N, C-alpha and C. Protein backbone atom coordinates (compact mmCIF):
# COMPACT_ATOMS: atom_id res chain seq x y z
N MET A 1 -22.50 -0.13 155.97
CA MET A 1 -23.23 -1.09 156.26
C MET A 1 -22.65 -2.82 156.60
N ASN A 2 -22.89 -3.38 157.20
CA ASN A 2 -22.59 -4.81 157.35
C ASN A 2 -23.01 -5.41 156.54
N SER A 3 -22.31 -6.64 155.94
CA SER A 3 -22.81 -7.63 154.75
C SER A 3 -23.71 -8.72 155.39
N PRO A 4 -24.03 -9.56 154.93
CA PRO A 4 -24.98 -10.52 155.21
C PRO A 4 -23.77 -11.62 155.78
N PHE A 5 -22.34 -11.79 155.67
CA PHE A 5 -21.48 -12.94 156.39
C PHE A 5 -21.34 -12.05 157.54
N THR A 6 -20.73 -10.80 157.55
CA THR A 6 -20.74 -10.45 158.55
C THR A 6 -21.76 -10.59 159.55
N LEU A 7 -22.68 -10.32 159.23
CA LEU A 7 -23.99 -10.79 160.56
C LEU A 7 -23.72 -11.98 160.85
N VAL A 8 -24.00 -12.52 159.88
CA VAL A 8 -24.16 -13.98 160.06
C VAL A 8 -22.78 -14.78 161.33
N ALA A 9 -21.44 -14.28 160.86
CA ALA A 9 -20.69 -14.49 161.65
C ALA A 9 -20.76 -13.75 162.99
N LEU A 10 -20.99 -12.82 162.98
CA LEU A 10 -21.72 -11.94 164.58
C LEU A 10 -22.50 -12.74 165.42
N ALA A 11 -23.46 -13.42 164.66
CA ALA A 11 -24.66 -13.84 165.34
C ALA A 11 -24.06 -15.32 165.35
N ALA A 12 -23.30 -16.05 164.97
CA ALA A 12 -22.39 -17.33 165.33
C ALA A 12 -22.02 -17.25 166.62
N VAL A 13 -20.91 -15.81 166.90
CA VAL A 13 -20.09 -15.46 168.01
C VAL A 13 -21.34 -15.56 168.71
N ALA A 14 -22.43 -14.56 168.76
CA ALA A 14 -23.37 -14.62 169.78
C ALA A 14 -24.14 -16.17 170.20
N VAL A 15 -24.26 -16.88 169.44
CA VAL A 15 -24.60 -17.92 169.47
C VAL A 15 -23.75 -18.73 170.68
N ILE A 16 -22.57 -18.86 170.18
CA ILE A 16 -21.48 -19.29 171.11
C ILE A 16 -21.57 -18.73 172.60
N ALA A 17 -21.22 -17.86 172.78
CA ALA A 17 -21.28 -17.39 173.81
C ALA A 17 -22.30 -17.58 174.86
N GLY A 18 -23.90 -17.34 174.15
CA GLY A 18 -24.64 -17.95 174.68
C GLY A 18 -24.75 -19.05 175.04
N ALA A 19 -23.91 -20.22 174.39
CA ALA A 19 -24.27 -21.93 174.78
C ALA A 19 -23.08 -21.96 175.81
N LEU A 20 -21.95 -21.07 176.26
CA LEU A 20 -21.36 -21.10 176.96
C LEU A 20 -22.08 -20.97 178.47
N VAL A 21 -22.72 -20.13 178.66
CA VAL A 21 -23.80 -19.98 179.89
C VAL A 21 -24.04 -20.80 180.38
N PRO A 22 -24.82 -21.85 179.90
CA PRO A 22 -25.27 -22.58 180.78
C PRO A 22 -24.15 -24.16 181.77
N PHE A 23 -22.86 -23.47 180.53
CA PHE A 23 -21.73 -24.37 181.31
C PHE A 23 -21.56 -23.34 182.28
N GLN A 24 -21.00 -22.13 182.14
CA GLN A 24 -20.71 -21.37 183.68
C GLN A 24 -21.65 -21.34 184.51
N ALA A 25 -22.84 -21.33 184.70
CA ALA A 25 -23.96 -21.97 185.67
C ALA A 25 -23.55 -23.19 186.05
N GLY A 26 -23.65 -24.01 185.25
CA GLY A 26 -23.07 -25.66 185.72
C GLY A 26 -22.03 -25.39 186.67
N SER A 27 -20.88 -25.22 186.30
CA SER A 27 -19.48 -25.13 186.89
C SER A 27 -19.45 -24.33 187.81
N ASN A 28 -19.99 -23.36 188.01
CA ASN A 28 -20.05 -22.39 189.03
C ASN A 28 -20.99 -22.94 190.06
N ALA A 29 -22.14 -23.53 189.73
CA ALA A 29 -22.53 -24.61 190.52
C ALA A 29 -22.29 -25.33 191.69
N GLU A 30 -21.06 -26.08 191.15
CA GLU A 30 -20.23 -27.15 191.16
C GLU A 30 -19.11 -26.54 191.97
N LEU A 31 -18.65 -25.20 192.00
CA LEU A 31 -17.53 -24.41 192.69
C LEU A 31 -18.73 -24.18 193.86
N GLY A 32 -19.66 -23.76 193.93
CA GLY A 32 -20.22 -23.03 195.10
C GLY A 32 -20.45 -24.42 196.27
N ARG A 33 -20.56 -25.51 195.57
CA ARG A 33 -21.00 -26.79 196.47
C ARG A 33 -19.63 -27.25 197.02
N ALA A 34 -18.58 -27.13 196.46
CA ALA A 34 -17.44 -27.38 196.72
C ALA A 34 -16.67 -26.58 197.73
N LEU A 35 -17.05 -25.07 197.83
CA LEU A 35 -16.28 -24.05 198.58
C LEU A 35 -17.14 -23.68 199.77
N GLY A 36 -18.82 -24.15 200.01
CA GLY A 36 -19.26 -24.09 200.84
C GLY A 36 -20.42 -23.33 200.72
N HIS A 37 -20.25 -22.09 199.97
CA HIS A 37 -21.41 -20.95 199.72
C HIS A 37 -21.07 -20.46 198.70
N PRO A 38 -22.24 -20.09 198.06
CA PRO A 38 -22.83 -19.79 196.72
C PRO A 38 -21.47 -18.27 196.39
N LEU A 39 -21.62 -17.75 197.68
CA LEU A 39 -20.92 -16.35 197.30
C LEU A 39 -19.38 -16.66 197.13
N TRP A 40 -19.05 -17.63 197.87
CA TRP A 40 -17.37 -17.85 197.55
C TRP A 40 -16.79 -18.27 195.86
N ALA A 41 -18.20 -19.06 195.65
CA ALA A 41 -18.22 -19.38 193.87
C ALA A 41 -18.14 -18.01 193.06
N THR A 42 -19.22 -17.15 193.61
CA THR A 42 -18.89 -15.71 193.06
C THR A 42 -17.93 -15.13 192.69
N LEU A 43 -17.24 -15.07 194.26
CA LEU A 43 -16.10 -14.22 194.05
C LEU A 43 -15.02 -14.96 193.47
N VAL A 44 -14.78 -16.00 193.63
CA VAL A 44 -14.06 -17.18 192.72
C VAL A 44 -14.27 -16.99 191.11
N SER A 45 -15.33 -16.90 190.79
CA SER A 45 -15.27 -16.79 189.31
C SER A 45 -15.09 -15.27 189.08
N LEU A 46 -15.64 -14.53 189.45
CA LEU A 46 -14.93 -13.16 188.71
C LEU A 46 -13.39 -13.01 189.24
N VAL A 47 -12.90 -13.50 190.42
CA VAL A 47 -11.27 -13.44 190.49
C VAL A 47 -11.00 -14.34 189.18
N VAL A 48 -11.43 -15.15 188.63
CA VAL A 48 -10.98 -16.01 187.55
C VAL A 48 -11.03 -15.35 186.05
N SER A 49 -12.12 -14.53 185.98
CA SER A 49 -12.95 -13.67 184.91
C SER A 49 -11.35 -12.32 184.77
N MET A 50 -11.10 -12.03 185.93
CA MET A 50 -10.01 -11.01 185.88
C MET A 50 -8.87 -11.52 185.31
N LEU A 51 -8.33 -12.49 185.92
CA LEU A 51 -7.18 -13.34 185.12
C LEU A 51 -7.11 -13.93 184.38
N VAL A 52 -8.22 -14.28 183.38
CA VAL A 52 -8.10 -14.34 181.73
C VAL A 52 -7.94 -12.92 181.23
N VAL A 53 -8.97 -11.98 181.67
CA VAL A 53 -8.96 -10.84 180.94
C VAL A 53 -7.78 -9.94 180.98
N ILE A 54 -6.89 -10.28 181.64
CA ILE A 54 -5.55 -9.27 181.61
C ILE A 54 -4.92 -9.63 181.04
N PRO A 55 -4.33 -10.85 180.62
CA PRO A 55 -3.76 -11.26 180.07
C PRO A 55 -3.89 -10.98 178.61
N ILE A 56 -5.05 -11.05 178.08
CA ILE A 56 -5.78 -10.80 176.67
C ILE A 56 -5.64 -9.52 176.32
N MET A 57 -6.02 -8.32 177.65
CA MET A 57 -5.39 -7.20 177.71
C MET A 57 -4.49 -6.53 177.29
N ILE A 58 -3.21 -7.47 177.78
CA ILE A 58 -1.83 -7.05 177.48
C ILE A 58 -1.47 -7.47 176.06
N VAL A 59 -1.89 -8.62 175.76
CA VAL A 59 -2.00 -9.23 174.42
C VAL A 59 -2.19 -8.28 173.29
N MET A 60 -3.28 -7.99 173.65
CA MET A 60 -3.89 -6.89 172.39
C MET A 60 -3.20 -5.72 172.54
N GLN A 61 -2.80 -5.28 173.78
CA GLN A 61 -1.83 -3.72 173.58
C GLN A 61 -3.36 -2.93 174.12
N VAL A 62 -4.06 -3.07 175.34
CA VAL A 62 -5.27 -2.43 175.33
C VAL A 62 -5.00 -0.92 176.20
N SER A 63 -4.88 0.13 175.79
CA SER A 63 -4.47 0.99 176.86
C SER A 63 -5.34 1.64 177.59
N PRO A 64 -4.69 1.48 179.25
CA PRO A 64 -5.50 2.29 180.05
C PRO A 64 -6.20 3.84 179.90
N PRO A 65 -7.19 3.48 180.57
CA PRO A 65 -8.52 4.29 180.72
C PRO A 65 -7.54 5.57 181.20
N ALA A 66 -7.96 7.08 181.11
CA ALA A 66 -7.49 8.27 181.23
C ALA A 66 -8.44 8.00 182.76
N LEU A 67 -7.49 8.38 183.83
CA LEU A 67 -8.29 8.25 185.08
C LEU A 67 -9.23 9.28 185.54
N GLY A 68 -8.99 10.74 184.77
CA GLY A 68 -9.75 11.83 184.70
C GLY A 68 -11.08 11.69 184.04
N THR A 69 -11.32 10.67 183.04
CA THR A 69 -12.55 10.26 182.35
C THR A 69 -13.41 9.99 183.56
N ILE A 70 -12.77 9.21 184.38
CA ILE A 70 -13.82 8.12 185.61
C ILE A 70 -15.08 9.16 186.05
N ARG A 71 -14.41 10.27 186.62
CA ARG A 71 -15.64 11.18 186.99
C ARG A 71 -16.75 11.52 186.08
N TYR A 72 -16.57 11.62 185.01
CA TYR A 72 -17.55 11.93 183.75
C TYR A 72 -18.43 10.37 183.76
N ILE A 73 -17.81 9.20 184.11
CA ILE A 73 -18.72 8.29 183.84
C ILE A 73 -20.07 8.15 184.77
N PRO A 74 -21.34 8.00 184.33
CA PRO A 74 -22.33 8.18 184.94
C PRO A 74 -22.39 6.82 185.81
N ALA A 75 -23.01 7.56 187.02
CA ALA A 75 -22.89 6.39 188.07
C ALA A 75 -23.99 4.73 187.54
N TRP A 76 -24.94 5.12 186.57
CA TRP A 76 -25.31 3.74 186.21
C TRP A 76 -24.34 2.69 185.63
N ALA A 77 -23.33 3.32 185.00
CA ALA A 77 -22.66 2.93 184.17
C ALA A 77 -21.80 1.68 184.73
N TRP A 78 -21.66 1.99 186.04
CA TRP A 78 -20.98 0.86 187.17
C TRP A 78 -21.53 -0.03 187.68
N LEU A 79 -23.07 -0.07 187.21
CA LEU A 79 -24.25 -1.07 187.80
C LEU A 79 -24.06 -2.29 187.02
N GLY A 80 -23.04 -2.62 186.04
CA GLY A 80 -23.17 -3.67 185.24
C GLY A 80 -22.15 -4.87 185.90
N GLY A 81 -21.59 -4.38 186.73
CA GLY A 81 -20.86 -4.93 187.99
C GLY A 81 -21.60 -5.80 188.92
N VAL A 82 -22.58 -5.07 189.37
CA VAL A 82 -23.79 -5.68 190.44
C VAL A 82 -24.70 -6.35 189.53
N ALA A 83 -24.98 -6.58 188.07
CA ALA A 83 -25.83 -7.20 187.82
C ALA A 83 -25.04 -8.57 187.57
N GLY A 84 -23.87 -8.66 187.28
CA GLY A 84 -22.77 -9.68 187.12
C GLY A 84 -22.92 -10.29 188.42
N VAL A 85 -22.80 -9.74 189.57
CA VAL A 85 -22.75 -10.78 190.92
C VAL A 85 -23.86 -11.09 190.73
N ILE A 86 -25.56 -10.38 190.70
CA ILE A 86 -26.78 -11.01 190.72
C ILE A 86 -27.00 -11.99 189.78
N TYR A 87 -26.44 -12.00 189.05
CA TYR A 87 -26.38 -12.94 187.77
C TYR A 87 -25.79 -14.39 188.03
N ILE A 88 -24.64 -13.97 188.81
CA ILE A 88 -23.87 -15.37 189.20
C ILE A 88 -23.95 -16.09 190.19
N SER A 89 -24.32 -14.92 191.09
CA SER A 89 -25.10 -15.78 192.48
C SER A 89 -26.75 -16.50 192.28
N SER A 90 -27.23 -16.12 191.19
CA SER A 90 -28.58 -16.27 191.36
C SER A 90 -28.67 -17.73 190.37
N ALA A 91 -27.65 -17.96 189.42
CA ALA A 91 -27.39 -19.30 188.64
C ALA A 91 -26.64 -20.15 189.56
N LEU A 92 -26.01 -20.10 190.99
CA LEU A 92 -25.49 -21.05 191.84
C LEU A 92 -26.46 -21.52 192.77
N VAL A 93 -27.00 -20.37 193.17
CA VAL A 93 -28.44 -20.97 194.03
C VAL A 93 -29.44 -21.62 192.76
N LEU A 94 -29.80 -21.53 191.78
CA LEU A 94 -31.31 -21.86 191.63
C LEU A 94 -30.47 -22.96 190.49
N VAL A 95 -29.48 -23.14 189.84
CA VAL A 95 -29.26 -24.16 188.80
C VAL A 95 -29.43 -25.65 189.13
N PRO A 96 -28.94 -25.45 190.50
CA PRO A 96 -28.85 -26.94 191.42
C PRO A 96 -30.31 -27.40 191.49
N ARG A 97 -30.86 -26.55 191.76
CA ARG A 97 -32.50 -26.27 192.16
C ARG A 97 -33.42 -27.04 191.11
N VAL A 98 -33.43 -25.76 190.13
CA VAL A 98 -34.08 -25.68 188.88
C VAL A 98 -33.98 -26.73 187.60
N GLY A 99 -32.53 -27.05 187.81
CA GLY A 99 -31.65 -27.46 186.38
C GLY A 99 -31.64 -26.19 185.45
N ALA A 100 -30.60 -26.49 184.57
CA ALA A 100 -29.93 -25.70 183.54
C ALA A 100 -31.08 -25.09 182.96
N THR A 101 -31.80 -25.92 182.24
CA THR A 101 -32.63 -25.94 180.63
C THR A 101 -33.45 -24.54 181.87
N ASN A 102 -34.35 -24.98 182.77
CA ASN A 102 -35.29 -24.33 183.73
C ASN A 102 -34.56 -22.98 183.81
N PHE A 103 -33.67 -22.69 184.44
CA PHE A 103 -32.38 -21.41 184.73
C PHE A 103 -32.54 -20.73 183.40
N ILE A 104 -32.22 -21.41 182.35
CA ILE A 104 -31.04 -20.52 181.03
C ILE A 104 -33.08 -19.96 180.47
N VAL A 105 -34.04 -20.96 180.11
CA VAL A 105 -35.07 -20.20 179.81
C VAL A 105 -35.89 -18.95 180.44
N CYS A 106 -35.24 -19.06 181.58
CA CYS A 106 -36.35 -17.97 182.46
C CYS A 106 -35.25 -16.55 181.97
N VAL A 107 -33.75 -16.77 182.39
CA VAL A 107 -32.92 -16.22 182.09
C VAL A 107 -33.22 -15.48 180.61
N ILE A 108 -33.27 -16.05 179.47
CA ILE A 108 -33.43 -15.56 178.18
C ILE A 108 -34.83 -14.61 178.28
N ALA A 109 -35.65 -15.18 178.76
CA ALA A 109 -36.70 -14.38 179.15
C ALA A 109 -36.94 -13.37 179.54
N GLY A 110 -36.30 -12.99 180.73
CA GLY A 110 -36.00 -11.65 181.48
C GLY A 110 -35.06 -11.02 180.23
N GLN A 111 -34.21 -11.60 179.53
CA GLN A 111 -32.80 -10.97 179.06
C GLN A 111 -34.09 -10.29 177.64
N LEU A 112 -35.00 -10.71 177.26
CA LEU A 112 -35.82 -10.26 176.46
C LEU A 112 -36.58 -9.44 176.34
N ILE A 113 -37.32 -9.43 177.56
CA ILE A 113 -37.95 -8.54 178.18
C ILE A 113 -37.63 -7.31 178.92
N ALA A 114 -36.08 -7.20 179.08
CA ALA A 114 -34.90 -6.27 179.65
C ALA A 114 -34.86 -5.58 177.99
N SER A 115 -34.52 -6.25 176.97
CA SER A 115 -33.76 -6.01 176.02
C SER A 115 -35.07 -5.12 175.20
N LEU A 116 -36.33 -5.91 174.91
CA LEU A 116 -37.12 -4.65 174.53
C LEU A 116 -37.46 -3.14 175.37
N LEU A 117 -37.20 -3.43 176.81
CA LEU A 117 -37.47 -1.82 177.07
C LEU A 117 -36.19 -1.24 176.70
N LEU A 118 -35.22 -1.74 176.77
CA LEU A 118 -34.04 -0.46 176.51
C LEU A 118 -34.34 -0.11 175.18
N ASP A 119 -34.51 -0.61 174.15
CA ASP A 119 -34.72 -0.90 172.67
C ASP A 119 -35.57 0.14 172.52
N TYR A 120 -37.21 0.01 173.37
CA TYR A 120 -38.06 1.14 173.23
C TYR A 120 -37.82 2.70 173.85
N HIS A 121 -37.12 2.56 174.91
CA HIS A 121 -36.97 3.65 175.97
C HIS A 121 -35.66 4.36 175.29
N GLY A 122 -34.85 3.38 174.93
CA GLY A 122 -33.14 4.24 174.87
C GLY A 122 -32.54 4.15 175.94
N TRP A 123 -32.67 3.84 177.16
CA TRP A 123 -32.39 3.77 178.45
C TRP A 123 -30.77 3.12 178.50
N LEU A 124 -29.96 3.48 179.21
CA LEU A 124 -28.49 3.56 179.56
C LEU A 124 -28.00 3.61 178.37
N ASN A 125 -28.05 4.85 177.76
CA ASN A 125 -27.65 5.42 176.62
C ASN A 125 -28.11 4.62 175.23
N LEU A 126 -28.63 3.92 175.20
CA LEU A 126 -28.54 2.81 173.74
C LEU A 126 -29.27 3.59 172.75
N PRO A 127 -29.35 3.37 171.33
CA PRO A 127 -30.00 3.83 170.64
C PRO A 127 -31.57 3.07 170.95
N VAL A 128 -32.81 4.15 170.57
CA VAL A 128 -34.14 4.09 170.29
C VAL A 128 -33.87 3.04 169.49
N ARG A 129 -34.61 1.97 169.40
CA ARG A 129 -35.34 0.98 168.51
C ARG A 129 -36.67 0.75 168.65
N GLU A 130 -37.15 0.61 167.07
CA GLU A 130 -38.64 0.50 167.25
C GLU A 130 -39.00 -1.33 167.33
N VAL A 131 -40.02 -1.18 168.52
CA VAL A 131 -40.72 -2.52 168.97
C VAL A 131 -41.93 -2.90 168.06
N SER A 132 -41.52 -3.55 167.28
CA SER A 132 -42.60 -4.01 166.24
C SER A 132 -43.35 -5.15 166.74
N ILE A 133 -44.26 -5.34 166.15
CA ILE A 133 -45.35 -6.55 166.07
C ILE A 133 -44.69 -7.49 165.83
N GLY A 134 -43.33 -7.91 165.00
CA GLY A 134 -42.84 -9.03 164.51
C GLY A 134 -41.65 -9.06 165.83
N ARG A 135 -41.27 -8.43 166.24
CA ARG A 135 -40.72 -8.66 167.71
C ARG A 135 -41.33 -9.16 168.52
N LEU A 136 -42.33 -8.46 168.87
CA LEU A 136 -42.94 -8.67 170.27
C LEU A 136 -43.63 -10.33 169.92
N ALA A 137 -44.02 -10.91 168.55
CA ALA A 137 -44.68 -11.81 168.59
C ALA A 137 -43.40 -12.76 168.66
N GLY A 138 -41.96 -12.46 168.26
CA GLY A 138 -41.09 -13.45 168.92
C GLY A 138 -41.07 -13.75 170.28
N VAL A 139 -40.62 -12.55 170.90
CA VAL A 139 -40.62 -12.57 172.50
C VAL A 139 -41.72 -13.67 172.74
N THR A 140 -42.68 -13.30 172.60
CA THR A 140 -43.94 -13.83 172.82
C THR A 140 -43.86 -15.30 173.03
N LEU A 141 -43.39 -15.76 171.72
CA LEU A 141 -43.05 -17.57 171.47
C LEU A 141 -42.13 -17.81 172.95
N VAL A 142 -41.07 -16.67 172.84
CA VAL A 142 -40.34 -16.98 173.62
C VAL A 142 -40.94 -17.17 174.95
N LEU A 143 -41.29 -16.73 175.57
CA LEU A 143 -42.01 -17.08 176.93
C LEU A 143 -42.77 -17.64 176.69
N VAL A 144 -43.91 -18.38 175.73
CA VAL A 144 -44.49 -19.49 175.43
C VAL A 144 -43.57 -20.55 176.02
N GLY A 145 -42.39 -20.49 175.38
CA GLY A 145 -41.79 -21.50 175.11
C GLY A 145 -41.07 -21.50 176.76
N MET A 146 -41.18 -20.66 177.33
CA MET A 146 -40.29 -20.76 178.97
C MET A 146 -41.56 -21.46 179.62
N VAL A 147 -43.02 -20.93 179.64
CA VAL A 147 -43.49 -21.52 180.16
C VAL A 147 -44.00 -22.88 179.94
N THR A 148 -43.63 -23.65 178.34
CA THR A 148 -43.69 -24.82 178.17
C THR A 148 -42.70 -25.68 178.94
N VAL A 149 -41.72 -24.93 178.69
CA VAL A 149 -40.21 -25.71 179.71
C VAL A 149 -40.61 -26.20 181.02
N GLN A 150 -41.20 -24.98 181.29
CA GLN A 150 -41.56 -25.01 182.79
C GLN A 150 -42.90 -26.04 183.25
N TRP A 151 -43.22 -26.02 182.87
CA TRP A 151 -44.99 -26.50 182.97
C TRP A 151 -44.20 -28.32 182.68
N PHE A 152 -43.54 -28.62 181.55
CA PHE A 152 -43.54 -30.02 180.94
C PHE A 152 -42.48 -30.42 182.01
N SER A 153 -41.82 -30.06 183.23
CA SER A 153 -40.46 -30.40 183.61
C SER A 153 -40.60 -31.03 184.68
N PRO A 154 -40.41 -32.32 184.48
CA PRO A 154 -40.62 -33.39 185.62
C PRO A 154 -40.01 -33.06 186.96
N THR A 155 -38.77 -32.63 187.02
CA THR A 155 -37.75 -32.43 187.94
C THR A 155 -37.77 -30.95 188.97
N ILE A 156 -38.55 -29.68 188.26
CA ILE A 156 -38.77 -28.61 188.98
C ILE A 156 -39.32 -28.67 190.29
N ALA A 157 -38.85 -28.14 191.09
CA ALA A 157 -39.50 -28.05 192.59
C ALA A 157 -40.48 -27.08 192.52
N SER A 158 -41.49 -27.08 193.52
CA SER A 158 -42.17 -25.76 193.50
C SER A 158 -41.78 -24.39 193.75
N PRO A 159 -41.92 -23.53 193.51
CA PRO A 159 -41.68 -21.99 193.57
C PRO A 159 -41.56 -21.89 195.23
N HIS A 160 -42.58 -22.20 195.92
CA HIS A 160 -42.65 -21.95 197.19
C HIS A 160 -41.43 -22.66 197.78
N GLN A 161 -41.49 -23.75 197.66
CA GLN A 161 -40.72 -24.65 198.19
C GLN A 161 -39.16 -24.42 198.12
N SER A 162 -38.85 -24.29 196.63
CA SER A 162 -37.47 -23.58 196.18
C SER A 162 -37.18 -22.18 197.02
N SER A 163 -38.20 -21.44 196.79
CA SER A 163 -37.26 -20.15 197.33
C SER A 163 -37.73 -20.25 199.22
N THR A 164 -38.31 -21.27 199.55
CA THR A 164 -38.05 -21.13 201.01
C THR A 164 -36.81 -22.12 201.39
N GLN A 165 -36.18 -22.92 200.69
CA GLN A 165 -34.96 -23.83 200.65
C GLN A 165 -34.09 -22.44 200.82
N VAL A 166 -34.08 -21.52 199.24
CA VAL A 166 -32.71 -20.74 199.21
C VAL A 166 -32.97 -19.78 200.65
N ALA A 167 -33.90 -19.02 201.18
CA ALA A 167 -33.71 -18.37 201.93
C ALA A 167 -33.65 -19.14 203.11
N THR A 168 -33.52 -19.82 203.50
CA THR A 168 -32.94 -20.70 204.92
C THR A 168 -31.68 -21.07 204.70
N GLU A 169 -31.26 -21.25 203.47
CA GLU A 169 -29.90 -21.29 203.49
C GLU A 169 -28.76 -20.47 202.95
N VAL A 170 -29.72 -19.58 202.91
CA VAL A 170 -29.23 -17.77 202.64
C VAL A 170 -28.88 -17.58 204.02
N SER A 171 -29.99 -17.18 205.07
CA SER A 171 -30.22 -16.86 206.19
C SER A 171 -29.30 -17.40 207.48
N GLY A 172 -29.39 -18.81 206.93
CA GLY A 172 -28.32 -20.17 207.89
C GLY A 172 -27.04 -19.92 208.06
N ALA A 173 -26.62 -19.78 206.67
CA ALA A 173 -25.08 -19.25 206.30
C ALA A 173 -24.45 -18.03 206.66
N ALA A 174 -26.03 -16.85 207.08
CA ALA A 174 -25.33 -15.61 207.39
C ALA A 174 -25.40 -15.43 208.83
N GLU A 175 -26.03 -16.64 209.50
CA GLU A 175 -26.03 -16.64 211.12
C GLU A 175 -25.01 -17.14 211.56
N SER A 176 -24.57 -18.62 210.59
CA SER A 176 -23.46 -19.05 210.95
C SER A 176 -22.19 -18.50 210.96
N LYS A 177 -21.87 -17.45 210.21
CA LYS A 177 -20.82 -16.82 209.67
C LYS A 177 -20.79 -15.27 210.91
N GLY A 178 -22.12 -14.59 211.33
CA GLY A 178 -22.10 -13.88 211.76
C GLY A 178 -21.79 -14.21 213.84
């Protein structure tokens, strides 16, 4: 059983990791502007991630996986990388338009809704966990907070205008490359 101190320490690490997410979104947005397209920034961000994690793995002496086990990994287990690309690319496009707070509050809302579903159904080989009234109330409060942040945000563009701008930019970039 985890001690209360261990649980507090783990929660503190999670809060620090969460606090880094807006910085990631903002720095990647600037990288996208500097490189001329959000997908270049996505690629650079993922390459930098590899360049950071490889030396850490070497220092920690992490053994490589047995190549034979790869064929037993379920296909859905590889989708984490796809989710990472979608998240980074979305942040690159949306943060400059809606701001870090609006983006992150929506990300957190999406994470909580998906987490409740994962806990309830035990999808992705996760343990099934009860979705209690208290947990639902907490998520509902966060969703109300998300709506409040969006409602009272003076700088957010209308959803129609923002999505039109994004679609125009993405299709224009694709046409100019092709």
